[in-house]
Amino acid sequence: MNDDAIKIPSIKEQSFTLKNIAIYLEKCISCRSENMSFIGGEIDDTDKLILSSLVRNGVRKAVVDEVGISDRTLRNHLNKLGILFDADNDIKIIMTAINLGIIDTHGNIL
């Protein structure tokens, strides 16, 4: 047999790999669900709109204009989210919201 030949996994090996992938995905979904149920009651519709707008626009001024809130209200919501997510800046707040499945990377509310 040639050392350069491509080794195709057997059906048994493929099944084992797919089973492990399915188990991993189940754990990820379960963990995300637990996290969302923990913080879900703390996040309101305005928080979600702010997160969505911040992802899409990237700057607080655009969020204020788009969501129709004052700068002070925006700061209050972001401070609340920062405490809730244990995040000390807007990027970490956004990344946590994405990881928790609140919004996606395009700013769509999930």
PDB file of N, CA and C in Angstrom:
ATOM      1  N   MET A   1       0.842  -1.185   0.000  1.00  0.00           N
ATOM      2  CA  MET A   1       0.000   0.000   0.000  1.00  0.00           C
ATOM      3  C   MET A   1       0.881   1.240   0.000  1.00  0.00           C
ATOM      4  N   ASN A   2       0.496   2.225  -0.734  1.00  0.00           N
ATOM      5  CA  ASN A   2       1.231   3.469  -0.880  1.00  0.00           C
ATOM      6  C   ASN A   2       1.008   4.347   0.356  1.00  0.00           C
ATOM      7  N   ASP A   3       2.063   4.974   0.898  1.00  0.00           N
ATOM      8  CA  ASP A   3       1.957   5.844   2.068  1.00  0.00           C
ATOM      9  C   ASP A   3       1.152   7.106   1.765  1.00  0.00           C
ATOM     10  N   ASP A   4       1.074   7.473   0.495  1.00  0.00           N
ATOM     11  CA  ASP A   4       0.349   8.678   0.096  1.00  0.00           C
ATOM     12  C   ASP A   4      -1.148   8.425  -0.098  1.00  0.00           C
ATOM     13  N   ALA A   5      -1.575   7.186   0.025  1.00  0.00           N
ATOM     14  CA  ALA A   5      -2.983   6.856  -0.203  1.00  0.00           C
ATOM     15  C   ALA A   5      -3.854   7.481   0.881  1.00  0.00           C
ATOM     16  N   ILE A   6      -5.039   7.850   0.483  1.00  0.00           N
ATOM     17  CA  ILE A   6      -5.993   8.432   1.424  1.00  0.00           C
ATOM     18  C   ILE A   6      -6.703   7.300   2.149  1.00  0.00           C
ATOM     19  N   LYS A   7      -6.692   7.383   3.478  1.00  0.00           N
ATOM     20  CA  LYS A   7      -7.354   6.359   4.285  1.00  0.00           C
ATOM     21  C   LYS A   7      -8.778   6.824   4.563  1.00  0.00           C
ATOM     22  N   ILE A   8      -9.723   6.065   4.108  1.00  0.00           N
ATOM     23  CA  ILE A   8     -11.131   6.381   4.337  1.00  0.00           C
ATOM     24  C   ILE A   8     -11.590   5.623   5.573  1.00  0.00           C
ATOM     25  N   PRO A   9     -12.136   6.351   6.565  1.00  0.00           N
ATOM     26  CA  PRO A   9     -12.576   5.681   7.786  1.00  0.00           C
ATOM     27  C   PRO A   9     -13.703   4.693   7.501  1.00  0.00           C
ATOM     28  N   SER A  10     -13.704   3.631   8.285  1.00  0.00           N
ATOM     29  CA  SER A  10     -14.761   2.633   8.143  1.00  0.00           C
ATOM     30  C   SER A  10     -16.083   3.200   8.635  1.00  0.00           C
ATOM     31  N   ILE A  11     -17.161   2.530   8.303  1.00  0.00           N
ATOM     32  CA  ILE A  11     -18.490   2.949   8.759  1.00  0.00           C
ATOM     33  C   ILE A  11     -18.531   2.980  10.290  1.00  0.00           C
ATOM     34  N   LYS A  12     -17.891   2.027  10.919  1.00  0.00           N
ATOM     35  CA  LYS A  12     -17.867   1.961  12.386  1.00  0.00           C
ATOM     36  C   LYS A  12     -17.153   3.191  12.957  1.00  0.00           C
ATOM     37  N   GLU A  13     -16.024   3.572  12.361  1.00  0.00           N
ATOM     38  CA  GLU A  13     -15.281   4.756  12.803  1.00  0.00           C
ATOM     39  C   GLU A  13     -16.080   6.028  12.565  1.00  0.00           C
ATOM     40  N   GLN A  14     -16.756   6.104  11.429  1.00  0.00           N
ATOM     41  CA  GLN A  14     -17.577   7.271  11.121  1.00  0.00           C
ATOM     42  C   GLN A  14     -18.732   7.391  12.104  1.00  0.00           C
ATOM     43  N   SER A  15     -19.360   6.261  12.428  1.00  0.00           N
ATOM     44  CA  SER A  15     -20.481   6.263  13.380  1.00  0.00           C
ATOM     45  C   SER A  15     -20.022   6.726  14.752  1.00  0.00           C
ATOM     46  N   PHE A  16     -18.859   6.241  15.172  1.00  0.00           N
ATOM     47  CA  PHE A  16     -18.306   6.628  16.470  1.00  0.00           C
ATOM     48  C   PHE A  16     -18.040   8.131  16.504  1.00  0.00           C
ATOM     49  N   THR A  17     -17.461   8.664  15.443  1.00  0.00           N
ATOM     50  CA  THR A  17     -17.172  10.098  15.358  1.00  0.00           C
ATOM     51  C   THR A  17     -18.456  10.914  15.381  1.00  0.00           C
ATOM     52  N   LEU A  18     -19.441  10.512  14.593  1.00  0.00           N
ATOM     53  CA  LEU A  18     -20.713  11.232  14.559  1.00  0.00           C
ATOM     54  C   LEU A  18     -21.420  11.187  15.913  1.00  0.00           C
ATOM     55  N   LYS A  19     -21.329  10.065  16.594  1.00  0.00           N
ATOM     56  CA  LYS A  19     -21.938   9.941  17.927  1.00  0.00           C
ATOM     57  C   LYS A  19     -21.275  10.927  18.882  1.00  0.00           C
ATOM     58  N   ASN A  20     -19.960  11.029  18.846  1.00  0.00           N
ATOM     59  CA  ASN A  20     -19.244  11.965  19.722  1.00  0.00           C
ATOM     60  C   ASN A  20     -19.586  13.413  19.393  1.00  0.00           C
ATOM     61  N   ILE A  21     -19.746  13.723  18.109  1.00  0.00           N
ATOM     62  CA  ILE A  21     -20.143  15.076  17.711  1.00  0.00           C
ATOM     63  C   ILE A  21     -21.533  15.387  18.245  1.00  0.00           C
ATOM     64  N   ALA A  22     -22.456  14.432  18.122  1.00  0.00           N
ATOM     65  CA  ALA A  22     -23.820  14.630  18.609  1.00  0.00           C
ATOM     66  C   ALA A  22     -23.833  14.841  20.124  1.00  0.00           C
ATOM     67  N   ILE A  23     -23.048  14.084  20.855  1.00  0.00           N
ATOM     68  CA  ILE A  23     -22.966  14.242  22.314  1.00  0.00           C
ATOM     69  C   ILE A  23     -22.423  15.625  22.665  1.00  0.00           C
ATOM     70  N   TYR A  24     -21.383  16.058  21.972  1.00  0.00           N
ATOM     71  CA  TYR A  24     -20.804  17.377  22.209  1.00  0.00           C
ATOM     72  C   TYR A  24     -21.829  18.482  21.944  1.00  0.00           C
ATOM     73  N   LEU A  25     -22.538  18.386  20.821  1.00  0.00           N
ATOM     74  CA  LEU A  25     -23.542  19.397  20.487  1.00  0.00           C
ATOM     75  C   LEU A  25     -24.668  19.428  21.520  1.00  0.00           C
ATOM     76  N   GLU A  26     -25.092  18.263  21.983  1.00  0.00           N
ATOM     77  CA  GLU A  26     -26.123  18.203  23.026  1.00  0.00           C
ATOM     78  C   GLU A  26     -25.669  18.925  24.281  1.00  0.00           C
ATOM     79  N   LYS A  27     -24.420  18.708  24.672  1.00  0.00           N
ATOM     80  CA  LYS A  27     -23.875  19.377  25.866  1.00  0.00           C
ATOM     81  C   LYS A  27     -23.831  20.883  25.665  1.00  0.00           C
ATOM     82  N   CYS A  28     -23.431  21.331  24.482  1.00  0.00           N
ATOM     83  CA  CYS A  28     -23.379  22.765  24.194  1.00  0.00           C
ATOM     84  C   CYS A  28     -24.768  23.391  24.258  1.00  0.00           C
ATOM     85  N   ILE A  29     -25.733  22.728  23.664  1.00  0.00           N
ATOM     86  CA  ILE A  29     -27.109  23.242  23.661  1.00  0.00           C
ATOM     87  C   ILE A  29     -27.670  23.257  25.073  1.00  0.00           C
ATOM     88  N   SER A  30     -27.409  22.222  25.829  1.00  0.00           N
ATOM     89  CA  SER A  30     -27.893  22.146  27.209  1.00  0.00           C
ATOM     90  C   SER A  30     -27.285  23.254  28.063  1.00  0.00           C
ATOM     91  N   CYS A  31     -25.992  23.467  27.902  1.00  0.00           N
ATOM     92  CA  CYS A  31     -25.299  24.520  28.664  1.00  0.00           C
ATOM     93  C   CYS A  31     -25.852  25.883  28.287  1.00  0.00           C
ATOM     94  N   ARG A  32     -26.067  26.125  26.988  1.00  0.00           N
ATOM     95  CA  ARG A  32     -26.612  27.400  26.530  1.00  0.00           C
ATOM     96  C   ARG A  32     -28.010  27.604  27.105  1.00  0.00           C
ATOM     97  N   SER A  33     -28.823  26.551  27.122  1.00  0.00           N
ATOM     98  CA  SER A  33     -30.187  26.654  27.663  1.00  0.00           C
ATOM     99  C   SER A  33     -30.168  26.986  29.146  1.00  0.00           C
ATOM    100  N   GLU A  34     -29.271  26.343  29.886  1.00  0.00           N
ATOM    101  CA  GLU A  34     -29.154  26.627  31.317  1.00  0.00           C
ATOM    102  C   GLU A  34     -28.745  28.075  31.554  1.00  0.00           C
ATOM    103  N   ASN A  35     -27.779  28.552  30.792  1.00  0.00           N
ATOM    104  CA  ASN A  35     -27.323  29.938  30.935  1.00  0.00           C
ATOM    105  C   ASN A  35     -28.436  30.916  30.583  1.00  0.00           C
ATOM    106  N   MET A  36     -29.179  30.631  29.514  1.00  0.00           N
ATOM    107  CA  MET A  36     -30.261  31.522  29.108  1.00  0.00           C
ATOM    108  C   MET A  36     -31.379  31.547  30.136  1.00  0.00           C
ATOM    109  N   SER A  37     -31.691  30.388  30.723  1.00  0.00           N
ATOM    110  CA  SER A  37     -32.761  30.386  31.726  1.00  0.00           C
ATOM    111  C   SER A  37     -32.316  31.141  32.968  1.00  0.00           C
ATOM    112  N   PHE A  38     -31.017  31.113  33.249  1.00  0.00           N
ATOM    113  CA  PHE A  38     -30.481  31.823  34.406  1.00  0.00           C
ATOM    114  C   PHE A  38     -30.583  33.337  34.225  1.00  0.00           C
ATOM    115  N   ILE A  39     -30.241  33.833  33.042  1.00  0.00           N
ATOM    116  CA  ILE A  39     -30.239  35.283  32.831  1.00  0.00           C
ATOM    117  C   ILE A  39     -31.412  35.782  32.010  1.00  0.00           C
ATOM    118  N   GLY A  40     -32.198  34.867  31.454  1.00  0.00           N
ATOM    119  CA  GLY A  40     -33.301  35.249  30.578  1.00  0.00           C
ATOM    120  C   GLY A  40     -34.266  36.229  31.203  1.00  0.00           C
ATOM    121  N   GLY A  41     -34.569  36.062  32.469  1.00  0.00           N
ATOM    122  CA  GLY A  41     -35.502  36.958  33.141  1.00  0.00           C
ATOM    123  C   GLY A  41     -34.915  38.325  33.415  1.00  0.00           C
ATOM    124  N   GLU A  42     -33.612  38.445  33.341  1.00  0.00           N
ATOM    125  CA  GLU A  42     -32.926  39.705  33.623  1.00  0.00           C
ATOM    126  C   GLU A  42     -32.820  40.601  32.394  1.00  0.00           C
ATOM    127  N   ILE A  43     -32.984  40.016  31.218  1.00  0.00           N
ATOM    128  CA  ILE A  43     -32.799  40.768  29.975  1.00  0.00           C
ATOM    129  C   ILE A  43     -34.160  41.110  29.380  1.00  0.00           C
ATOM    130  N   ASP A  44     -34.382  42.397  29.134  1.00  0.00           N
ATOM    131  CA  ASP A  44     -35.660  42.822  28.564  1.00  0.00           C
ATOM    132  C   ASP A  44     -35.498  43.127  27.073  1.00  0.00           C
ATOM    133  N   ASP A  45     -36.597  43.506  26.438  1.00  0.00           N
ATOM    134  CA  ASP A  45     -36.577  43.774  24.998  1.00  0.00           C
ATOM    135  C   ASP A  45     -35.641  44.928  24.630  1.00  0.00           C
ATOM    136  N   THR A  46     -35.571  45.940  25.479  1.00  0.00           N
ATOM    137  CA  THR A  46     -34.671  47.068  25.203  1.00  0.00           C
ATOM    138  C   THR A  46     -33.220  46.610  25.215  1.00  0.00           C
ATOM    139  N   ASP A  47     -32.877  45.737  26.167  1.00  0.00           N
ATOM    140  CA  ASP A  47     -31.516  45.184  26.208  1.00  0.00           C
ATOM    141  C   ASP A  47     -31.195  44.476  24.894  1.00  0.00           C
ATOM    142  N   LYS A  48     -32.139  43.681  24.406  1.00  0.00           N
ATOM    143  CA  LYS A  48     -31.919  42.944  23.158  1.00  0.00           C
ATOM    144  C   LYS A  48     -31.770  43.895  21.970  1.00  0.00           C
ATOM    145  N   LEU A  49     -32.588  44.932  21.930  1.00  0.00           N
ATOM    146  CA  LEU A  49     -32.464  45.917  20.850  1.00  0.00           C
ATOM    147  C   LEU A  49     -31.118  46.623  20.896  1.00  0.00           C
ATOM    148  N   ILE A  50     -30.674  46.947  22.104  1.00  0.00           N
ATOM    149  CA  ILE A  50     -29.372  47.598  22.279  1.00  0.00           C
ATOM    150  C   ILE A  50     -28.258  46.682  21.795  1.00  0.00           C
ATOM    151  N   LEU A  51     -28.287  45.423  22.211  1.00  0.00           N
ATOM    152  CA  LEU A  51     -27.264  44.468  21.790  1.00  0.00           C
ATOM    153  C   LEU A  51     -27.260  44.302  20.274  1.00  0.00           C
ATOM    154  N   SER A  52     -28.442  44.173  19.700  1.00  0.00           N
ATOM    155  CA  SER A  52     -28.564  44.016  18.259  1.00  0.00           C
ATOM    156  C   SER A  52     -27.984  45.226  17.522  1.00  0.00           C
ATOM    157  N   SER A  53     -28.372  46.405  17.956  1.00  0.00           N
ATOM    158  CA  SER A  53     -27.901  47.633  17.311  1.00  0.00           C
ATOM    159  C   SER A  53     -26.399  47.813  17.487  1.00  0.00           C
ATOM    160  N   LEU A  54     -25.890  47.486  18.654  1.00  0.00           N
ATOM    161  CA  LEU A  54     -24.457  47.633  18.916  1.00  0.00           C
ATOM    162  C   LEU A  54     -23.633  46.718  18.011  1.00  0.00           C
ATOM    163  N   VAL A  55     -24.128  45.508  17.773  1.00  0.00           N
ATOM    164  CA  VAL A  55     -23.424  44.598  16.864  1.00  0.00           C
ATOM    165  C   VAL A  55     -23.432  45.168  15.444  1.00  0.00           C
ATOM    166  N   ARG A  56     -24.575  45.638  15.001  1.00  0.00           N
ATOM    167  CA  ARG A  56     -24.708  46.108  13.623  1.00  0.00           C
ATOM    168  C   ARG A  56     -24.018  47.444  13.378  1.00  0.00           C
ATOM    169  N   ASN A  57     -24.059  48.341  14.362  1.00  0.00           N
ATOM    170  CA  ASN A  57     -23.539  49.696  14.160  1.00  0.00           C
ATOM    171  C   ASN A  57     -22.150  49.916  14.743  1.00  0.00           C
ATOM    172  N   GLY A  58     -21.825  49.225  15.811  1.00  0.00           N
ATOM    173  CA  GLY A  58     -20.488  49.306  16.381  1.00  0.00           C
ATOM    174  C   GLY A  58     -20.197  50.502  17.267  1.00  0.00           C
ATOM    175  N   VAL A  59     -21.066  51.493  17.268  1.00  0.00           N
ATOM    176  CA  VAL A  59     -20.814  52.677  18.093  1.00  0.00           C
ATOM    177  C   VAL A  59     -22.073  53.030  18.894  1.00  0.00           C
ATOM    178  N   ARG A  60     -21.843  53.541  20.079  1.00  0.00           N
ATOM    179  CA  ARG A  60     -22.947  53.859  20.980  1.00  0.00           C
ATOM    180  C   ARG A  60     -23.863  54.951  20.423  1.00  0.00           C
ATOM    181  N   LYS A  61     -23.299  55.937  19.754  1.00  0.00           N
ATOM    182  CA  LYS A  61     -24.109  57.042  19.223  1.00  0.00           C
ATOM    183  C   LYS A  61     -25.177  56.516  18.268  1.00  0.00           C
ATOM    184  N   ALA A  62     -24.808  55.573  17.421  1.00  0.00           N
ATOM    185  CA  ALA A  62     -25.765  54.993  16.476  1.00  0.00           C
ATOM    186  C   ALA A  62     -26.840  54.203  17.213  1.00  0.00           C
ATOM    187  N   VAL A  63     -26.464  53.559  18.312  1.00  0.00           N
ATOM    188  CA  VAL A  63     -27.430  52.797  19.110  1.00  0.00           C
ATOM    189  C   VAL A  63     -28.456  53.747  19.714  1.00  0.00           C
ATOM    190  N   VAL A  64     -27.987  54.845  20.274  1.00  0.00           N
ATOM    191  CA  VAL A  64     -28.875  55.857  20.865  1.00  0.00           C
ATOM    192  C   VAL A  64     -29.895  56.319  19.833  1.00  0.00           C
ATOM    193  N   ASP A  65     -29.418  56.635  18.642  1.00  0.00           N
ATOM    194  CA  ASP A  65     -30.302  57.116  17.580  1.00  0.00           C
ATOM    195  C   ASP A  65     -31.267  56.032  17.103  1.00  0.00           C
ATOM    196  N   GLU A  66     -30.756  54.837  16.894  1.00  0.00           N
ATOM    197  CA  GLU A  66     -31.586  53.770  16.339  1.00  0.00           C
ATOM    198  C   GLU A  66     -32.645  53.274  17.327  1.00  0.00           C
ATOM    199  N   VAL A  67     -32.249  53.079  18.577  1.00  0.00           N
ATOM    200  CA  VAL A  67     -33.175  52.541  19.578  1.00  0.00           C
ATOM    201  C   VAL A  67     -34.093  53.641  20.123  1.00  0.00           C
ATOM    202  N   GLY A  68     -33.645  54.877  20.013  1.00  0.00           N
ATOM    203  CA  GLY A  68     -34.464  55.993  20.475  1.00  0.00           C
ATOM    204  C   GLY A  68     -34.437  56.176  21.979  1.00  0.00           C
ATOM    205  N   ILE A  69     -33.245  56.043  22.545  1.00  0.00           N
ATOM    206  CA  ILE A  69     -33.064  56.216  23.989  1.00  0.00           C
ATOM    207  C   ILE A  69     -31.980  57.265  24.220  1.00  0.00           C
ATOM    208  N   SER A  70     -31.916  57.743  25.446  1.00  0.00           N
ATOM    209  CA  SER A  70     -30.883  58.727  25.780  1.00  0.00           C
ATOM    210  C   SER A  70     -29.549  58.022  26.015  1.00  0.00           C
ATOM    211  N   ASP A  71     -28.495  58.812  25.984  1.00  0.00           N
ATOM    212  CA  ASP A  71     -27.166  58.280  26.261  1.00  0.00           C
ATOM    213  C   ASP A  71     -27.111  57.692  27.670  1.00  0.00           C
ATOM    214  N   ARG A  72     -27.763  58.360  28.598  1.00  0.00           N
ATOM    215  CA  ARG A  72     -27.778  57.886  29.990  1.00  0.00           C
ATOM    216  C   ARG A  72     -28.500  56.537  30.104  1.00  0.00           C
ATOM    217  N   THR A  73     -29.629  56.392  29.412  1.00  0.00           N
ATOM    218  CA  THR A  73     -30.359  55.124  29.424  1.00  0.00           C
ATOM    219  C   THR A  73     -29.513  54.009  28.821  1.00  0.00           C
ATOM    220  N   LEU A  74     -28.816  54.317  27.735  1.00  0.00           N
ATOM    221  CA  LEU A  74     -27.927  53.332  27.121  1.00  0.00           C
ATOM    222  C   LEU A  74     -26.846  52.900  28.097  1.00  0.00           C
ATOM    223  N   ARG A  75     -26.214  53.872  28.754  1.00  0.00           N
ATOM    224  CA  ARG A  75     -25.170  53.543  29.743  1.00  0.00           C
ATOM    225  C   ARG A  75     -25.723  52.666  30.850  1.00  0.00           C
ATOM    226  N   ASN A  76     -26.940  52.975  31.339  1.00  0.00           N
ATOM    227  CA  ASN A  76     -27.552  52.172  32.406  1.00  0.00           C
ATOM    228  C   ASN A  76     -27.776  50.724  31.951  1.00  0.00           C
ATOM    229  N   HIS A  77     -28.286  50.563  30.725  1.00  0.00           N
ATOM    230  CA  HIS A  77     -28.526  49.208  30.214  1.00  0.00           C
ATOM    231  C   HIS A  77     -27.209  48.450  30.023  1.00  0.00           C
ATOM    232  N   LEU A  78     -26.207  49.124  29.471  1.00  0.00           N
ATOM    233  CA  LEU A  78     -24.920  48.453  29.256  1.00  0.00           C
ATOM    234  C   LEU A  78     -24.229  48.133  30.579  1.00  0.00           C
ATOM    235  N   ASN A  79     -24.378  48.997  31.575  1.00  0.00           N
ATOM    236  CA  ASN A  79     -23.825  48.688  32.902  1.00  0.00           C
ATOM    237  C   ASN A  79     -24.506  47.459  33.484  1.00  0.00           C
ATOM    238  N   LYS A  80     -25.834  47.386  33.351  1.00  0.00           N
ATOM    239  CA  LYS A  80     -26.575  46.224  33.841  1.00  0.00           C
ATOM    240  C   LYS A  80     -26.100  44.951  33.138  1.00  0.00           C
ATOM    241  N   LEU A  81     -25.975  45.021  31.806  1.00  0.00           N
ATOM    242  CA  LEU A  81     -25.524  43.855  31.045  1.00  0.00           C
ATOM    243  C   LEU A  81     -24.085  43.478  31.398  1.00  0.00           C
ATOM    244  N   GLY A  82     -23.242  44.482  31.610  1.00  0.00           N
ATOM    245  CA  GLY A  82     -21.860  44.213  31.995  1.00  0.00           C
ATOM    246  C   GLY A  82     -21.776  43.467  33.324  1.00  0.00           C
ATOM    247  N   ILE A  83     -22.594  43.865  34.268  1.00  0.00           N
ATOM    248  CA  ILE A  83     -22.622  43.172  35.564  1.00  0.00           C
ATOM    249  C   ILE A  83     -23.178  41.762  35.392  1.00  0.00           C
ATOM    250  N   LEU A  84     -24.268  41.643  34.663  1.00  0.00           N
ATOM    251  CA  LEU A  84     -24.916  40.358  34.442  1.00  0.00           C
ATOM    252  C   LEU A  84     -23.996  39.373  33.728  1.00  0.00           C
ATOM    253  N   PHE A  85     -23.252  39.857  32.733  1.00  0.00           N
ATOM    254  CA  PHE A  85     -22.369  39.005  31.937  1.00  0.00           C
ATOM    255  C   PHE A  85     -20.942  38.952  32.470  1.00  0.00           C
ATOM    256  N   ASP A  86     -20.662  39.686  33.550  1.00  0.00           N
ATOM    257  CA  ASP A  86     -19.310  39.794  34.085  1.00  0.00           C
ATOM    258  C   ASP A  86     -18.352  40.264  32.979  1.00  0.00           C
ATOM    259  N   ALA A  87     -18.761  41.336  32.296  1.00  0.00           N
ATOM    260  CA  ALA A  87     -17.990  41.887  31.184  1.00  0.00           C
ATOM    261  C   ALA A  87     -17.722  43.364  31.452  1.00  0.00           C
ATOM    262  N   ASP A  88     -16.504  43.808  31.158  1.00  0.00           N
ATOM    263  CA  ASP A  88     -16.132  45.186  31.484  1.00  0.00           C
ATOM    264  C   ASP A  88     -16.033  46.120  30.281  1.00  0.00           C
ATOM    265  N   ASN A  89     -16.466  45.647  29.100  1.00  0.00           N
ATOM    266  CA  ASN A  89     -16.508  46.543  27.942  1.00  0.00           C
ATOM    267  C   ASN A  89     -17.555  46.051  26.949  1.00  0.00           C
ATOM    268  N   ASP A  90     -17.861  46.899  25.964  1.00  0.00           N
ATOM    269  CA  ASP A  90     -18.926  46.588  25.004  1.00  0.00           C
ATOM    270  C   ASP A  90     -18.639  45.320  24.206  1.00  0.00           C
ATOM    271  N   ILE A  91     -17.393  45.119  23.822  1.00  0.00           N
ATOM    272  CA  ILE A  91     -17.035  43.933  23.032  1.00  0.00           C
ATOM    273  C   ILE A  91     -17.310  42.661  23.825  1.00  0.00           C
ATOM    274  N   LYS A  92     -16.923  42.632  25.083  1.00  0.00           N
ATOM    275  CA  LYS A  92     -17.173  41.446  25.914  1.00  0.00           C
ATOM    276  C   LYS A  92     -18.668  41.229  26.139  1.00  0.00           C
ATOM    277  N   ILE A  93     -19.413  42.307  26.281  1.00  0.00           N
ATOM    278  CA  ILE A  93     -20.870  42.191  26.430  1.00  0.00           C
ATOM    279  C   ILE A  93     -21.454  41.558  25.172  1.00  0.00           C
ATOM    280  N   ILE A  94     -21.043  42.047  24.017  1.00  0.00           N
ATOM    281  CA  ILE A  94     -21.535  41.508  22.748  1.00  0.00           C
ATOM    282  C   ILE A  94     -21.148  40.039  22.591  1.00  0.00           C
ATOM    283  N   MET A  95     -19.904  39.719  22.849  1.00  0.00           N
ATOM    284  CA  MET A  95     -19.440  38.332  22.694  1.00  0.00           C
ATOM    285  C   MET A  95     -20.209  37.387  23.618  1.00  0.00           C
ATOM    286  N   THR A  96     -20.463  37.822  24.831  1.00  0.00           N
ATOM    287  CA  THR A  96     -21.227  36.986  25.759  1.00  0.00           C
ATOM    288  C   THR A  96     -22.646  36.803  25.259  1.00  0.00           C
ATOM    289  N   ALA A  97     -23.263  37.877  24.772  1.00  0.00           N
ATOM    290  CA  ALA A  97     -24.627  37.789  24.238  1.00  0.00           C
ATOM    291  C   ALA A  97     -24.687  36.828  23.052  1.00  0.00           C
ATOM    292  N   ILE A  98     -23.675  36.854  22.204  1.00  0.00           N
ATOM    293  CA  ILE A  98     -23.617  35.928  21.072  1.00  0.00           C
ATOM    294  C   ILE A  98     -23.442  34.504  21.569  1.00  0.00           C
ATOM    295  N   ASN A  99     -22.516  34.307  22.492  1.00  0.00           N
ATOM    296  CA  ASN A  99     -22.263  32.964  23.024  1.00  0.00           C
ATOM    297  C   ASN A  99     -23.471  32.384  23.752  1.00  0.00           C
ATOM    298  N   LEU A 100     -24.267  33.247  24.357  1.00  0.00           N
ATOM    299  CA  LEU A 100     -25.461  32.779  25.063  1.00  0.00           C
ATOM    300  C   LEU A 100     -26.647  32.572  24.127  1.00  0.00           C
ATOM    301  N   GLY A 101     -26.498  33.005  22.887  1.00  0.00           N
ATOM    302  CA  GLY A 101     -27.584  32.821  21.931  1.00  0.00           C
ATOM    303  C   GLY A 101     -28.675  33.865  22.023  1.00  0.00           C
ATOM    304  N   ILE A 102     -28.340  35.042  22.537  1.00  0.00           N
ATOM    305  CA  ILE A 102     -29.307  36.137  22.607  1.00  0.00           C
ATOM    306  C   ILE A 102     -29.397  36.836  21.259  1.00  0.00           C
ATOM    307  N   ILE A 103     -28.234  37.016  20.635  1.00  0.00           N
ATOM    308  CA  ILE A 103     -28.133  37.605  19.302  1.00  0.00           C
ATOM    309  C   ILE A 103     -27.135  36.779  18.500  1.00  0.00           C
ATOM    310  N   ASP A 104     -27.151  36.969  17.180  1.00  0.00           N
ATOM    311  CA  ASP A 104     -26.124  36.313  16.369  1.00  0.00           C
ATOM    312  C   ASP A 104     -25.071  37.340  15.945  1.00  0.00           C
ATOM    313  N   THR A 105     -24.108  36.921  15.174  1.00  0.00           N
ATOM    314  CA  THR A 105     -22.997  37.796  14.811  1.00  0.00           C
ATOM    315  C   THR A 105     -23.396  38.914  13.848  1.00  0.00           C
ATOM    316  N   HIS A 106     -24.612  38.843  13.312  1.00  0.00           N
ATOM    317  CA  HIS A 106     -25.119  39.887  12.419  1.00  0.00           C
ATOM    318  C   HIS A 106     -26.039  40.853  13.155  1.00  0.00           C
ATOM    319  N   GLY A 107     -26.284  40.591  14.445  1.00  0.00           N
ATOM    320  CA  GLY A 107     -27.152  41.454  15.224  1.00  0.00           C
ATOM    321  C   GLY A 107     -28.597  41.022  15.253  1.00  0.00           C
ATOM    322  N   ASN A 108     -28.889  39.879  14.660  1.00  0.00           N
ATOM    323  CA  ASN A 108     -30.267  39.378  14.702  1.00  0.00           C
ATOM    324  C   ASN A 108     -30.580  38.859  16.109  1.00  0.00           C
ATOM    325  N   ILE A 109     -31.734  39.228  16.610  1.00  0.00           N
ATOM    326  CA  ILE A 109     -32.172  38.759  17.924  1.00  0.00           C
ATOM    327  C   ILE A 109     -32.678  37.341  17.769  1.00  0.00           C
ATOM    328  N   LEU A 110     -32.168  36.446  18.595  1.00  0.00           N
ATOM    329  CA  LEU A 110     -32.557  35.026  18.497  1.00  0.00           C
ATOM    330  C   LEU A 110     -33.664  34.675  19.469  1.00  0.00           C
TER     331      LEU A 110
END
